Amino acid sequence: MTTDTFLDGPEVIALTNKKVRPAQVRVLRAMGIEHKVRPDGSVAILRAHITKVFGGVTFAAQQISPNWDAI
Protein backbone atom coordinates (compact mmCIF):
# COMPACT_ATOMS: atom_id res chain seq x y z
CA MET A 1 0.00 0.00 0.00
CA THR A 2 1.19 3.48 -0.78
CA THR A 3 1.22 6.55 1.45
CA ASP A 4 0.19 9.00 -1.29
CA THR A 5 -2.49 11.52 -0.37
CA PHE A 6 -4.71 10.57 -3.31
CA LEU A 7 -5.73 7.27 -4.86
CA ASP A 8 -3.91 6.55 -8.11
CA GLY A 9 -5.57 5.59 -11.40
CA PRO A 10 -5.57 1.81 -10.90
CA GLU A 11 -6.95 2.24 -7.37
CA VAL A 12 -9.82 4.39 -8.68
CA ILE A 13 -10.57 1.70 -11.27
CA ALA A 14 -10.49 -0.97 -8.56
CA LEU A 15 -12.77 1.07 -6.29
CA THR A 16 -15.35 1.90 -8.96
CA ASN A 17 -14.94 -1.13 -11.24
CA LYS A 18 -15.05 1.42 -14.11
CA LYS A 19 -12.33 2.57 -16.50
CA VAL A 20 -14.13 5.55 -18.05
CA ARG A 21 -13.95 8.70 -15.93
CA PRO A 22 -17.61 9.82 -16.24
CA ALA A 23 -18.68 6.32 -15.17
CA GLN A 24 -16.25 6.48 -12.24
CA VAL A 25 -17.84 9.74 -11.12
CA ARG A 26 -21.33 8.22 -11.28
CA VAL A 27 -20.23 5.28 -9.15
CA LEU A 28 -18.45 7.53 -6.64
CA ARG A 29 -21.58 9.66 -6.27
CA ALA A 30 -23.74 6.56 -5.81
CA MET A 31 -21.34 5.26 -3.15
CA GLY A 32 -21.24 8.60 -1.33
CA ILE A 33 -17.50 8.95 -1.87
CA GLU A 34 -16.28 12.55 -1.75
CA HIS A 35 -14.19 13.39 -4.79
CA LYS A 36 -13.16 16.26 -7.05
CA VAL A 37 -12.81 16.30 -10.81
CA ARG A 38 -9.57 17.96 -11.87
CA PRO A 39 -9.37 20.33 -14.87
CA ASP A 40 -7.93 17.47 -16.95
CA GLY A 41 -10.97 15.32 -16.13
CA SER A 42 -9.19 12.94 -13.76
CA VAL A 43 -10.74 12.14 -10.40
CA ALA A 44 -9.11 13.08 -7.09
CA ILE A 45 -10.07 10.99 -4.07
CA LEU A 46 -8.42 11.42 -0.70
CA ARG A 47 -6.99 8.19 0.62
CA ALA A 48 -7.94 9.27 4.16
CA HIS A 49 -11.59 9.57 3.11
CA ILE A 50 -11.61 6.05 1.71
CA THR A 51 -9.99 4.75 4.89
CA LYS A 52 -12.64 6.52 6.95
CA VAL A 53 -15.56 5.32 4.82
CA PHE A 54 -14.44 1.72 4.47
CA GLY A 55 -12.31 1.34 7.57
CA GLY A 56 -14.45 3.27 9.97
CA VAL A 57 -14.27 2.49 13.64
CA THR A 58 -13.28 -1.07 14.32
CA PHE A 59 -15.30 -3.23 16.66
CA ALA A 60 -12.44 -3.35 19.16
CA ALA A 61 -12.08 0.42 19.14
CA GLN A 62 -15.71 0.85 20.20
CA GLN A 63 -14.94 -0.71 23.61
CA ILE A 64 -18.30 -2.38 23.99
CA SER A 65 -18.92 -3.95 27.36
CA PRO A 66 -21.92 -5.76 28.83
CA ASN A 67 -24.67 -3.78 30.46
CA TRP A 68 -24.31 -5.29 33.92
CA ASP A 69 -27.22 -3.24 35.29
CA ALA A 70 -29.57 -5.01 32.89
CA ILE A 71 -28.63 -8.45 34.21
PDB file of N, CA and C in Angstrom:
ATOM      1  N   MET A   1       0.847  -1.185   0.000  1.00  0.00           N
ATOM      2  CA  MET A   1       0.000   0.000   0.000  1.00  0.00           C
ATOM      3  C   MET A   1       0.883   1.236   0.000  1.00  0.00           C
ATOM      4  N   THR A   2       0.420   2.250  -0.661  1.00  0.00           N
ATOM      5  CA  THR A   2       1.188   3.479  -0.785  1.00  0.00           C
ATOM      6  C   THR A   2       0.754   4.497   0.267  1.00  0.00           C
ATOM      7  N   THR A   3       1.561   5.511   0.482  1.00  0.00           N
ATOM      8  CA  THR A   3       1.223   6.548   1.447  1.00  0.00           C
ATOM      9  C   THR A   3       0.856   7.853   0.752  1.00  0.00           C
ATOM     10  N   ASP A   4       0.585   7.797  -0.562  1.00  0.00           N
ATOM     11  CA  ASP A   4       0.192   8.998  -1.286  1.00  0.00           C
ATOM     12  C   ASP A   4      -1.109   9.556  -0.724  1.00  0.00           C
ATOM     13  N   THR A   5      -1.292  10.854  -0.872  1.00  0.00           N
ATOM     14  CA  THR A   5      -2.485  11.519  -0.373  1.00  0.00           C
ATOM     15  C   THR A   5      -3.725  11.107  -1.151  1.00  0.00           C
ATOM     16  N   PHE A   6      -3.572  10.893  -2.466  1.00  0.00           N
ATOM     17  CA  PHE A   6      -4.714  10.571  -3.315  1.00  0.00           C
ATOM     18  C   PHE A   6      -4.596   9.166  -3.878  1.00  0.00           C
ATOM     19  N   LEU A   7      -5.739   8.547  -4.174  1.00  0.00           N
ATOM     20  CA  LEU A   7      -5.727   7.266  -4.863  1.00  0.00           C
ATOM     21  C   LEU A   7      -5.158   7.456  -6.256  1.00  0.00           C
ATOM     22  N   ASP A   8      -4.430   6.458  -6.759  1.00  0.00           N
ATOM     23  CA  ASP A   8      -3.915   6.547  -8.113  1.00  0.00           C
ATOM     24  C   ASP A   8      -4.936   5.944  -9.088  1.00  0.00           C
ATOM     25  N   GLY A   9      -4.644   6.039 -10.368  1.00  0.00           N
ATOM     26  CA  GLY A   9      -5.571   5.588 -11.405  1.00  0.00           C
ATOM     27  C   GLY A   9      -6.051   4.157 -11.237  1.00  0.00           C
ATOM     28  N   PRO A  10      -5.131   3.189 -11.086  1.00  0.00           N
ATOM     29  CA  PRO A  10      -5.570   1.809 -10.900  1.00  0.00           C
ATOM     30  C   PRO A  10      -6.420   1.604  -9.636  1.00  0.00           C
ATOM     31  N   GLU A  11      -6.151   2.362  -8.594  1.00  0.00           N
ATOM     32  CA  GLU A  11      -6.949   2.244  -7.373  1.00  0.00           C
ATOM     33  C   GLU A  11      -8.365   2.776  -7.591  1.00  0.00           C
ATOM     34  N   VAL A  12      -8.493   3.855  -8.372  1.00  0.00           N
ATOM     35  CA  VAL A  12      -9.821   4.394  -8.682  1.00  0.00           C
ATOM     36  C   VAL A  12     -10.597   3.371  -9.509  1.00  0.00           C
ATOM     37  N   ILE A  13      -9.925   2.736 -10.458  1.00  0.00           N
ATOM     38  CA  ILE A  13     -10.570   1.702 -11.269  1.00  0.00           C
ATOM     39  C   ILE A  13     -11.005   0.538 -10.377  1.00  0.00           C
ATOM     40  N   ALA A  14     -10.149   0.122  -9.464  1.00  0.00           N
ATOM     41  CA  ALA A  14     -10.494  -0.974  -8.561  1.00  0.00           C
ATOM     42  C   ALA A  14     -11.663  -0.615  -7.653  1.00  0.00           C
ATOM     43  N   LEU A  15     -11.698   0.613  -7.180  1.00  0.00           N
ATOM     44  CA  LEU A  15     -12.770   1.065  -6.293  1.00  0.00           C
ATOM     45  C   LEU A  15     -14.101   1.125  -7.017  1.00  0.00           C
ATOM     46  N   THR A  16     -14.097   1.673  -8.229  1.00  0.00           N
ATOM     47  CA  THR A  16     -15.347   1.897  -8.956  1.00  0.00           C
ATOM     48  C   THR A  16     -15.726   0.759  -9.889  1.00  0.00           C
ATOM     49  N   ASN A  17     -14.754  -0.078 -10.243  1.00  0.00           N
ATOM     50  CA  ASN A  17     -14.941  -1.134 -11.241  1.00  0.00           C
ATOM     51  C   ASN A  17     -15.280  -0.531 -12.606  1.00  0.00           C
ATOM     52  N   LYS A  18     -14.826   0.700 -12.845  1.00  0.00           N
ATOM     53  CA  LYS A  18     -15.050   1.415 -14.106  1.00  0.00           C
ATOM     54  C   LYS A  18     -13.741   2.007 -14.587  1.00  0.00           C
ATOM     55  N   LYS A  19     -13.546   1.993 -15.918  1.00  0.00           N
ATOM     56  CA  LYS A  19     -12.334   2.568 -16.500  1.00  0.00           C
ATOM     57  C   LYS A  19     -12.566   3.965 -17.065  1.00  0.00           C
ATOM     58  N   VAL A  20     -13.796   4.256 -17.442  1.00  0.00           N
ATOM     59  CA  VAL A  20     -14.129   5.546 -18.055  1.00  0.00           C
ATOM     60  C   VAL A  20     -14.451   6.550 -16.951  1.00  0.00           C
ATOM     61  N   ARG A  21     -13.841   7.719 -17.024  1.00  0.00           N
ATOM     62  CA  ARG A  21     -13.952   8.696 -15.930  1.00  0.00           C
ATOM     63  C   ARG A  21     -15.384   9.129 -15.622  1.00  0.00           C
ATOM     64  N   PRO A  22     -16.229   9.452 -16.614  1.00  0.00           N
ATOM     65  CA  PRO A  22     -17.608   9.818 -16.244  1.00  0.00           C
ATOM     66  C   PRO A  22     -18.340   8.687 -15.507  1.00  0.00           C
ATOM     67  N   ALA A  23     -18.069   7.455 -15.876  1.00  0.00           N
ATOM     68  CA  ALA A  23     -18.676   6.321 -15.173  1.00  0.00           C
ATOM     69  C   ALA A  23     -18.132   6.213 -13.753  1.00  0.00           C
ATOM     70  N   GLN A  24     -16.845   6.488 -13.578  1.00  0.00           N
ATOM     71  CA  GLN A  24     -16.255   6.475 -12.238  1.00  0.00           C
ATOM     72  C   GLN A  24     -16.946   7.496 -11.348  1.00  0.00           C
ATOM     73  N   VAL A  25     -17.184   8.682 -11.894  1.00  0.00           N
ATOM     74  CA  VAL A  25     -17.836   9.745 -11.117  1.00  0.00           C
ATOM     75  C   VAL A  25     -19.242   9.321 -10.712  1.00  0.00           C
ATOM     76  N   ARG A  26     -19.982   8.682 -11.609  1.00  0.00           N
ATOM     77  CA  ARG A  26     -21.335   8.222 -11.278  1.00  0.00           C
ATOM     78  C   ARG A  26     -21.300   7.204 -10.132  1.00  0.00           C
ATOM     79  N   VAL A  27     -20.348   6.290 -10.197  1.00  0.00           N
ATOM     80  CA  VAL A  27     -20.230   5.281  -9.148  1.00  0.00           C
ATOM     81  C   VAL A  27     -19.841   5.929  -7.825  1.00  0.00           C
ATOM     82  N   LEU A  28     -18.883   6.848  -7.867  1.00  0.00           N
ATOM     83  CA  LEU A  28     -18.453   7.525  -6.643  1.00  0.00           C
ATOM     84  C   LEU A  28     -19.610   8.275  -5.999  1.00  0.00           C
ATOM     85  N   ARG A  29     -20.406   8.953  -6.803  1.00  0.00           N
ATOM     86  CA  ARG A  29     -21.578   9.661  -6.269  1.00  0.00           C
ATOM     87  C   ARG A  29     -22.559   8.683  -5.639  1.00  0.00           C
ATOM     88  N   ALA A  30     -22.809   7.562  -6.324  1.00  0.00           N
ATOM     89  CA  ALA A  30     -23.742   6.564  -5.807  1.00  0.00           C
ATOM     90  C   ALA A  30     -23.251   5.962  -4.498  1.00  0.00           C
ATOM     91  N   MET A  31     -21.936   5.836  -4.357  1.00  0.00           N
ATOM     92  CA  MET A  31     -21.345   5.263  -3.146  1.00  0.00           C
ATOM     93  C   MET A  31     -21.178   6.296  -2.031  1.00  0.00           C
ATOM     94  N   GLY A  32     -21.414   7.555  -2.333  1.00  0.00           N
ATOM     95  CA  GLY A  32     -21.242   8.601  -1.331  1.00  0.00           C
ATOM     96  C   GLY A  32     -19.788   8.926  -1.052  1.00  0.00           C
ATOM     97  N   ILE A  33     -18.921   8.674  -2.035  1.00  0.00           N
ATOM     98  CA  ILE A  33     -17.497   8.947  -1.872  1.00  0.00           C
ATOM     99  C   ILE A  33     -17.211  10.376  -2.310  1.00  0.00           C
ATOM    100  N   GLU A  34     -16.645  11.172  -1.413  1.00  0.00           N
ATOM    101  CA  GLU A  34     -16.280  12.546  -1.748  1.00  0.00           C
ATOM    102  C   GLU A  34     -15.120  12.525  -2.732  1.00  0.00           C
ATOM    103  N   HIS A  35     -15.219  13.339  -3.749  1.00  0.00           N
ATOM    104  CA  HIS A  35     -14.190  13.390  -4.789  1.00  0.00           C
ATOM    105  C   HIS A  35     -14.251  14.747  -5.485  1.00  0.00           C
ATOM    106  N   LYS A  36     -13.225  15.051  -6.229  1.00  0.00           N
ATOM    107  CA  LYS A  36     -13.156  16.258  -7.048  1.00  0.00           C
ATOM    108  C   LYS A  36     -12.724  15.842  -8.444  1.00  0.00           C
ATOM    109  N   VAL A  37     -13.245  16.528  -9.436  1.00  0.00           N
ATOM    110  CA  VAL A  37     -12.813  16.299 -10.811  1.00  0.00           C
ATOM    111  C   VAL A  37     -11.820  17.400 -11.153  1.00  0.00           C
ATOM    112  N   ARG A  38     -10.625  17.007 -11.527  1.00  0.00           N
ATOM    113  CA  ARG A  38      -9.569  17.955 -11.867  1.00  0.00           C
ATOM    114  C   ARG A  38      -9.845  18.574 -13.236  1.00  0.00           C
ATOM    115  N   PRO A  39      -9.188  19.692 -13.556  1.00  0.00           N
ATOM    116  CA  PRO A  39      -9.374  20.326 -14.869  1.00  0.00           C
ATOM    117  C   PRO A  39      -9.099  19.391 -16.053  1.00  0.00           C
ATOM    118  N   ASP A  40      -8.213  18.410 -15.859  1.00  0.00           N
ATOM    119  CA  ASP A  40      -7.925  17.466 -16.949  1.00  0.00           C
ATOM    120  C   ASP A  40      -8.939  16.327 -17.025  1.00  0.00           C
ATOM    121  N   GLY A  41      -9.929  16.336 -16.130  1.00  0.00           N
ATOM    122  CA  GLY A  41     -10.967  15.315 -16.130  1.00  0.00           C
ATOM    123  C   GLY A  41     -10.696  14.138 -15.216  1.00  0.00           C
ATOM    124  N   SER A  42      -9.486  14.038 -14.673  1.00  0.00           N
ATOM    125  CA  SER A  42      -9.186  12.936 -13.763  1.00  0.00           C
ATOM    126  C   SER A  42      -9.877  13.164 -12.422  1.00  0.00           C
ATOM    127  N   VAL A  43     -10.008  12.096 -11.666  1.00  0.00           N
ATOM    128  CA  VAL A  43     -10.736  12.142 -10.405  1.00  0.00           C
ATOM    129  C   VAL A  43      -9.745  12.125  -9.245  1.00  0.00           C
ATOM    130  N   ALA A  44      -9.943  13.015  -8.288  1.00  0.00           N
ATOM    131  CA  ALA A  44      -9.107  13.081  -7.091  1.00  0.00           C
ATOM    132  C   ALA A  44      -9.927  12.601  -5.898  1.00  0.00           C
ATOM    133  N   ILE A  45      -9.409  11.561  -5.242  1.00  0.00           N
ATOM    134  CA  ILE A  45     -10.074  10.991  -4.074  1.00  0.00           C
ATOM    135  C   ILE A  45      -9.041  10.894  -2.965  1.00  0.00           C
ATOM    136  N   LEU A  46      -9.345  11.489  -1.841  1.00  0.00           N
ATOM    137  CA  LEU A  46      -8.423  11.425  -0.703  1.00  0.00           C
ATOM    138  C   LEU A  46      -8.377  10.013  -0.128  1.00  0.00           C
ATOM    139  N   ARG A  47      -7.184   9.511   0.040  1.00  0.00           N
ATOM    140  CA  ARG A  47      -6.987   8.186   0.620  1.00  0.00           C
ATOM    141  C   ARG A  47      -7.571   8.138   2.039  1.00  0.00           C
ATOM    142  N   ALA A  48      -7.427   9.219   2.786  1.00  0.00           N
ATOM    143  CA  ALA A  48      -7.937   9.265   4.161  1.00  0.00           C
ATOM    144  C   ALA A  48      -9.459   9.123   4.185  1.00  0.00           C
ATOM    145  N   HIS A  49     -10.135   9.686   3.172  1.00  0.00           N
ATOM    146  CA  HIS A  49     -11.595   9.574   3.114  1.00  0.00           C
ATOM    147  C   HIS A  49     -12.007   8.119   2.882  1.00  0.00           C
ATOM    148  N   ILE A  50     -11.301   7.450   1.990  1.00  0.00           N
ATOM    149  CA  ILE A  50     -11.607   6.049   1.707  1.00  0.00           C
ATOM    150  C   ILE A  50     -11.367   5.207   2.956  1.00  0.00           C
ATOM    151  N   THR A  51     -10.285   5.475   3.653  1.00  0.00           N
ATOM    152  CA  THR A  51      -9.993   4.749   4.890  1.00  0.00           C
ATOM    153  C   THR A  51     -11.099   4.970   5.907  1.00  0.00           C
ATOM    154  N   LYS A  52     -11.573   6.200   5.998  1.00  0.00           N
ATOM    155  CA  LYS A  52     -12.643   6.515   6.948  1.00  0.00           C
ATOM    156  C   LYS A  52     -13.944   5.828   6.551  1.00  0.00           C
ATOM    157  N   VAL A  53     -14.296   5.894   5.271  1.00  0.00           N
ATOM    158  CA  VAL A  53     -15.559   5.324   4.815  1.00  0.00           C
ATOM    159  C   VAL A  53     -15.558   3.805   4.931  1.00  0.00           C
ATOM    160  N   PHE A  54     -14.477   3.172   4.482  1.00  0.00           N
ATOM    161  CA  PHE A  54     -14.440   1.723   4.467  1.00  0.00           C
ATOM    162  C   PHE A  54     -13.835   1.121   5.723  1.00  0.00           C
ATOM    163  N   GLY A  55     -12.929   1.867   6.363  1.00  0.00           N
ATOM    164  CA  GLY A  55     -12.306   1.344   7.572  1.00  0.00           C
ATOM    165  C   GLY A  55     -13.157   1.632   8.778  1.00  0.00           C
ATOM    166  N   GLY A  56     -13.592   2.868   8.871  1.00  0.00           N
ATOM    167  CA  GLY A  56     -14.447   3.269   9.966  1.00  0.00           C
ATOM    168  C   GLY A  56     -13.845   2.964  11.317  1.00  0.00           C
ATOM    169  N   VAL A  57     -14.681   2.834  12.291  1.00  0.00           N
ATOM    170  CA  VAL A  57     -14.273   2.495  13.640  1.00  0.00           C
ATOM    171  C   VAL A  57     -14.360   0.985  13.765  1.00  0.00           C
ATOM    172  N   THR A  58     -13.282   0.389  14.171  1.00  0.00           N
ATOM    173  CA  THR A  58     -13.279  -1.066  14.319  1.00  0.00           C
ATOM    174  C   THR A  58     -14.077  -1.472  15.544  1.00  0.00           C
ATOM    175  N   PHE A  59     -14.516  -2.692  15.550  1.00  0.00           N
ATOM    176  CA  PHE A  59     -15.298  -3.225  16.664  1.00  0.00           C
ATOM    177  C   PHE A  59     -14.531  -3.109  17.971  1.00  0.00           C
ATOM    178  N   ALA A  60     -13.253  -3.415  17.946  1.00  0.00           N
ATOM    179  CA  ALA A  60     -12.441  -3.352  19.158  1.00  0.00           C
ATOM    180  C   ALA A  60     -12.297  -1.922  19.648  1.00  0.00           C
ATOM    181  N   ALA A  61     -12.255  -0.971  18.743  1.00  0.00           N
ATOM    182  CA  ALA A  61     -12.080   0.422  19.136  1.00  0.00           C
ATOM    183  C   ALA A  61     -13.326   0.987  19.811  1.00  0.00           C
ATOM    184  N   GLN A  62     -14.474   0.351  19.610  1.00  0.00           N
ATOM    185  CA  GLN A  62     -15.714   0.852  20.203  1.00  0.00           C
ATOM    186  C   GLN A  62     -15.790   0.591  21.700  1.00  0.00           C
ATOM    187  N   GLN A  63     -15.000  -0.356  22.195  1.00  0.00           N
ATOM    188  CA  GLN A  63     -14.941  -0.709  23.606  1.00  0.00           C
ATOM    189  C   GLN A  63     -16.331  -1.019  24.168  1.00  0.00           C
ATOM    190  N   ILE A  64     -16.973  -1.958  23.546  1.00  0.00           N
ATOM    191  CA  ILE A  64     -18.298  -2.384  23.988  1.00  0.00           C
ATOM    192  C   ILE A  64     -18.146  -3.328  25.167  1.00  0.00           C
ATOM    193  N   SER A  65     -18.928  -3.079  26.196  1.00  0.00           N
ATOM    194  CA  SER A  65     -18.917  -3.952  27.356  1.00  0.00           C
ATOM    195  C   SER A  65     -20.354  -4.303  27.726  1.00  0.00           C
ATOM    196  N   PRO A  66     -20.562  -5.362  28.446  1.00  0.00           N
ATOM    197  CA  PRO A  66     -21.918  -5.758  28.831  1.00  0.00           C
ATOM    198  C   PRO A  66     -22.578  -4.712  29.710  1.00  0.00           C
ATOM    199  N   ASN A  67     -23.888  -4.658  29.592  1.00  0.00           N
ATOM    200  CA  ASN A  67     -24.669  -3.780  30.463  1.00  0.00           C
ATOM    201  C   ASN A  67     -25.003  -4.593  31.718  1.00  0.00           C
ATOM    202  N   TRP A  68     -24.131  -4.488  32.712  1.00  0.00           N
ATOM    203  CA  TRP A  68     -24.306  -5.294  33.921  1.00  0.00           C
ATOM    204  C   TRP A  68     -25.552  -4.904  34.702  1.00  0.00           C
ATOM    205  N   ASP A  69     -26.012  -3.681  34.584  1.00  0.00           N
ATOM    206  CA  ASP A  69     -27.215  -3.236  35.286  1.00  0.00           C
ATOM    207  C   ASP A  69     -28.462  -3.932  34.751  1.00  0.00           C
ATOM    208  N   ALA A  70     -28.415  -4.371  33.493  1.00  0.00           N
ATOM    209  CA  ALA A  70     -29.574  -5.006  32.894  1.00  0.00           C
ATOM    210  C   ALA A  70     -29.685  -6.485  33.287  1.00  0.00           C
ATOM    211  N   ILE A  71     -28.628  -7.016  33.866  1.00  0.00           N
ATOM    212  CA  ILE A  71     -28.629  -8.447  34.208  1.00  0.00           C
ATOM    213  C   ILE A  71     -29.192  -8.667  35.580  1.00  0.00           C
TER     214      ILE A  71
END
